[in-house]
């Protein structure tokens, strides 16, 4: 008789569920439900109940919910979920790519003694994305909601709590809040006591060990979801940590995640401390660490440029000196929340397909610069390892070819498409069988896939994009100082 586990990926745009045979790693069921994301001009919000309804829908689509023995949730990082005394959301969740808290992040950096102290004591330097920055914004702009907040949750915590009734999280997702320290492995009393934060740890999720069971599916959750009451619930984690779990990632192997945002990360045996703030010194979901850098603009920016030009996203031509800065949502790396997109190098003869290619190049150059930053402040990138592509863009031919040409590294594309959901399933199986997650992933052969060989690196295009990016950063900083 087979044993099934479920992994949930609650991303910005959708919730997906993969149901996996815990013995073989075969995906036997899949469901997906889209989300609504509201807001403009820096506002990005989704009501947490939307995630719960999407999870219920995705579970129903698998037709296997009743056979699931264990489930874990991997969710978009950093989002701020405020609950009242009854555990009900007080407002829509502020998502990771909501940039309104940029001034609050800067104020937090100053109030704690500067970026160097943040990096050393906490592991990250606050930017608009992080939960602590969003909470500071909420206290400043919506004090009535803040006063009524009895509990603060991350997106994956919210879904885990709806499943098993426990307000818990894991070290990986907790490390993206800016109030949990990779140095101590605990919430930082110093950060929580900052005037802009003003919290006590009892209002936050309890941090579980990597394979510690969060609880079991409650009778109420079972009635709504079709899951068996009493099925095991894993601690869950953040989406990037889930991707690392899903790949069984070994230290030093770099990953580019091509989704709504772009991220680059690797597993490290030692914690990372980057005073520049470009690299977030996160924890992972195995007890190790996950230095990561994130760009706000990736596949969504490419799709927008393609739509403006009335082109299929694969209909590209050589960029021929065109440079696109795809900062359509501001930017996080480099930290330019007020930036906007730009197209340079246009002529009467410019082919629209060249503009689209330049947009791809702009996104990939940003991620490769972020990888260089990780290499500079972590235990290092394995020079022999391929660059692994995951996320929605990973199977796109143009994404693969541009990453191959601009990185100069072999490119590996795992056959498993739902890497985050698979990582959550790996965790569920590890909890169920008391097995190390890396052993589960190895047994399931989750990292197997296509390998593209290394090609000569396109240094000229990289240099052109970097020079324009430098000028744009200076221009944004000058504009900010004037106004």
Foldseek 3Di string as FASTA:
>chain_A
DWAKAKFWEAELFKIKIWIAGLQQRDTQFIFIDTFDWDDDPLFTWGALVRSVVRLLRGLVRRVCQARHQEFEYAYAAAKKFFAAPVRHTPDTIGALLRQPLQVLLVVLQVLQPHLQCLCVWANFRGGSRANQSVQLVCCVPPVVSNVRGQAIATSRQSNLCLFFVANAAAQQRVSRRSQAHPVVRGGHPVSCVRPSNVDDCVRYHHHDALQDWRGFGDPVNCVSRVHDTGRTYGRHHYLVLLLCLLQLFDAQAWEWEAEQKIKIKGWAQDFWGDSLRQWGRGCHSQRTTITMGIWNHGPVLLVVLCVVVVHDLLQADALVLKAKQSCCQAIVVVDGRPAHIDIDDDDPPGDSRSSSLNVLLNRLLSNVVSVVVCQVTGPHHDPQHAHEYAYPCLPPPSNLVSNQQAVQGKYFYWPDHSSSRSSRSLSRSCNVVVHRSSVSSVSNVRRDGDIGHHDHHPVVSSVSNVVVVVVSVVVSVVVVVVD
